[in-house]
Amino acid sequence: MAQDNMGESRLEKISFIDDNDETVELYVIEETTLRGVKYLLVAEDDSDESEAYIFREISESDAEITYIPVEDDDEYEALIKVFTELLEDAKIISGS
């Protein structure tokens, strides 16, 4: 996780509209593209204890991008492996 010199997180935040039409801000922990599809690993806050979710990007137009939760078990398990490797690599690079 990136932090500035004040100890605050520099993770990108994105806004989603949930099923109740409420805006929810989530932190983007990591992103990847698999078989031409973009995926985001997001969390409710930037702590290590936060719930994490995986979303698949669905581009409806250049002006609007929609993300949906990954619900297929096989797809989800494959993405967990990819994100785990990406996060381990990031820790090695950052020296954490």
C-alpha atoms as a PDB file:
ATOM      1  CA  MET A   1       0.000   0.000   0.000  1.00  0.00           C
ATOM      2  CA  ALA A   2       1.416   3.373  -0.953  1.00  0.00           C
ATOM      3  CA  GLN A   3       1.654   6.025   1.731  1.00  0.00           C
ATOM      4  CA  ASP A   4       2.663   9.652   1.590  1.00  0.00           C
ATOM      5  CA  ASN A   5       5.119  11.235   4.011  1.00  0.00           C
ATOM      6  CA  MET A   6       2.274  12.001   6.437  1.00  0.00           C
ATOM      7  CA  GLY A   7       1.380   8.294   6.651  1.00  0.00           C
ATOM      8  CA  GLU A   8      -1.837   8.693   4.678  1.00  0.00           C
ATOM      9  CA  SER A   9      -2.811   6.249   1.955  1.00  0.00           C
ATOM     10  CA  ARG A  10      -2.415   7.274  -1.683  1.00  0.00           C
ATOM     11  CA  LEU A  11      -4.616   4.539  -3.085  1.00  0.00           C
ATOM     12  CA  GLU A  12      -7.002   5.654  -5.780  1.00  0.00           C
ATOM     13  CA  LYS A  13     -10.644   5.868  -4.760  1.00  0.00           C
ATOM     14  CA  ILE A  14     -13.494   5.193  -7.143  1.00  0.00           C
ATOM     15  CA  SER A  15     -17.210   5.700  -6.645  1.00  0.00           C
ATOM     16  CA  PHE A  16     -19.840   3.080  -7.261  1.00  0.00           C
ATOM     17  CA  ILE A  17     -23.616   3.229  -7.138  1.00  0.00           C
ATOM     18  CA  ASP A  18     -24.898   0.286  -5.113  1.00  0.00           C
ATOM     19  CA  ASP A  19     -28.208  -1.574  -5.463  1.00  0.00           C
ATOM     20  CA  ASN A  20     -29.875   1.041  -3.237  1.00  0.00           C
ATOM     21  CA  ASP A  21     -28.743   3.896  -5.525  1.00  0.00           C
ATOM     22  CA  GLU A  22     -26.287   5.073  -2.861  1.00  0.00           C
ATOM     23  CA  THR A  23     -22.773   6.202  -3.740  1.00  0.00           C
ATOM     24  CA  VAL A  24     -20.060   4.048  -2.208  1.00  0.00           C
ATOM     25  CA  GLU A  25     -16.368   4.937  -2.406  1.00  0.00           C
ATOM     26  CA  LEU A  26     -13.930   2.043  -2.616  1.00  0.00           C
ATOM     27  CA  TYR A  27     -10.142   1.954  -2.687  1.00  0.00           C
ATOM     28  CA  VAL A  28      -8.483   0.337  -5.704  1.00  0.00           C
ATOM     29  CA  ILE A  29      -5.917  -2.076  -4.261  1.00  0.00           C
ATOM     30  CA  GLU A  30      -4.815  -3.616  -7.554  1.00  0.00           C
ATOM     31  CA  GLU A  31      -5.966  -4.035 -11.139  1.00  0.00           C
ATOM     32  CA  THR A  32      -5.216  -6.544 -13.847  1.00  0.00           C
ATOM     33  CA  THR A  33      -6.326  -7.611 -17.293  1.00  0.00           C
ATOM     34  CA  LEU A  34      -7.025 -11.266 -17.942  1.00  0.00           C
ATOM     35  CA  ARG A  35      -8.057 -12.555 -21.374  1.00  0.00           C
ATOM     36  CA  GLY A  36      -8.762  -8.987 -22.495  1.00  0.00           C
ATOM     37  CA  VAL A  37     -11.030  -8.184 -19.537  1.00  0.00           C
ATOM     38  CA  LYS A  38     -10.057  -5.619 -16.887  1.00  0.00           C
ATOM     39  CA  TYR A  39     -10.568  -6.503 -13.217  1.00  0.00           C
ATOM     40  CA  LEU A  40     -10.261  -4.423 -10.055  1.00  0.00           C
ATOM     41  CA  LEU A  41      -9.485  -5.580  -6.535  1.00  0.00           C
ATOM     42  CA  VAL A  42     -11.174  -3.014  -4.289  1.00  0.00           C
ATOM     43  CA  ALA A  43     -11.725  -2.534  -0.554  1.00  0.00           C
ATOM     44  CA  GLU A  44     -13.976  -0.443   1.650  1.00  0.00           C
ATOM     45  CA  ASP A  45     -11.009   1.219   3.350  1.00  0.00           C
ATOM     46  CA  ASP A  46      -7.229   1.150   3.075  1.00  0.00           C
ATOM     47  CA  SER A  47      -6.557  -1.029   6.119  1.00  0.00           C
ATOM     48  CA  ASP A  48      -5.308  -4.596   5.908  1.00  0.00           C
ATOM     49  CA  GLU A  49      -8.463  -5.725   7.740  1.00  0.00           C
ATOM     50  CA  SER A  50     -10.961  -4.408   5.172  1.00  0.00           C
ATOM     51  CA  GLU A  51     -13.251  -6.623   3.096  1.00  0.00           C
ATOM     52  CA  ALA A  52     -12.023  -6.907  -0.490  1.00  0.00           C
ATOM     53  CA  TYR A  53     -14.061  -7.410  -3.640  1.00  0.00           C
ATOM     54  CA  ILE A  54     -13.279  -8.233  -7.260  1.00  0.00           C
ATOM     55  CA  PHE A  55     -15.111  -6.383 -10.020  1.00  0.00           C
ATOM     56  CA  ARG A  56     -15.122  -7.004 -13.789  1.00  0.00           C
ATOM     57  CA  GLU A  57     -15.178  -3.995 -16.121  1.00  0.00           C
ATOM     58  CA  ILE A  58     -17.920  -3.819 -18.694  1.00  0.00           C
ATOM     59  CA  SER A  59     -17.470  -0.907 -21.098  1.00  0.00           C
ATOM     60  CA  GLU A  60     -20.803   0.321 -22.311  1.00  0.00           C
ATOM     61  CA  SER A  61     -19.300   3.321 -24.103  1.00  0.00           C
ATOM     62  CA  ASP A  62     -16.170   5.458 -24.002  1.00  0.00           C
ATOM     63  CA  ALA A  63     -17.949   7.850 -21.643  1.00  0.00           C
ATOM     64  CA  GLU A  64     -19.331   5.271 -19.209  1.00  0.00           C
ATOM     65  CA  ILE A  65     -17.649   2.266 -17.633  1.00  0.00           C
ATOM     66  CA  THR A  66     -19.578  -0.191 -15.512  1.00  0.00           C
ATOM     67  CA  TYR A  67     -18.134  -2.672 -13.025  1.00  0.00           C
ATOM     68  CA  ILE A  68     -19.949  -5.755 -11.821  1.00  0.00           C
ATOM     69  CA  PRO A  69     -18.954  -8.132  -9.032  1.00  0.00           C
ATOM     70  CA  VAL A  70     -17.338 -11.398 -10.083  1.00  0.00           C
ATOM     71  CA  GLU A  71     -19.767 -14.120  -9.026  1.00  0.00           C
ATOM     72  CA  ASP A  72     -18.543 -17.159 -10.984  1.00  0.00           C
ATOM     73  CA  ASP A  73     -16.569 -19.349  -8.544  1.00  0.00           C
ATOM     74  CA  ASP A  74     -13.980 -20.531 -11.101  1.00  0.00           C
ATOM     75  CA  GLU A  75     -13.365 -17.002 -12.397  1.00  0.00           C
ATOM     76  CA  TYR A  76     -13.142 -15.682  -8.819  1.00  0.00           C
ATOM     77  CA  GLU A  77     -10.630 -18.343  -7.712  1.00  0.00           C
ATOM     78  CA  ALA A  78      -8.428 -17.717 -10.769  1.00  0.00           C
ATOM     79  CA  LEU A  79      -8.446 -13.977 -10.068  1.00  0.00           C
ATOM     80  CA  ILE A  80      -7.616 -14.484  -6.373  1.00  0.00           C
ATOM     81  CA  LYS A  81      -4.461 -16.311  -7.471  1.00  0.00           C
ATOM     82  CA  VAL A  82      -3.525 -13.519  -9.907  1.00  0.00           C
ATOM     83  CA  PHE A  83      -4.122 -10.738  -7.376  1.00  0.00           C
ATOM     84  CA  THR A  84      -2.223 -12.626  -4.663  1.00  0.00           C
ATOM     85  CA  GLU A  85       0.803 -12.902  -6.955  1.00  0.00           C
ATOM     86  CA  LEU A  86       0.572  -9.227  -7.952  1.00  0.00           C
ATOM     87  CA  LEU A  87       0.386  -8.118  -4.321  1.00  0.00           C
ATOM     88  CA  GLU A  88       3.312 -10.349  -3.329  1.00  0.00           C
ATOM     89  CA  ASP A  89       5.371  -8.873  -6.173  1.00  0.00           C
ATOM     90  CA  ALA A  90       4.452  -5.348  -5.065  1.00  0.00           C
ATOM     91  CA  LYS A  91       5.655  -6.072  -1.515  1.00  0.00           C
ATOM     92  CA  ILE A  92       8.977  -7.382  -2.829  1.00  0.00           C
ATOM     93  CA  ILE A  93       9.468  -4.315  -5.037  1.00  0.00           C
ATOM     94  CA  SER A  94       8.525  -1.826  -2.320  1.00  0.00           C
ATOM     95  CA  GLY A  95      10.713  -3.573   0.250  1.00  0.00           C
ATOM     96  CA  SER A  96       7.843  -4.202   2.652  1.00  0.00           C
END
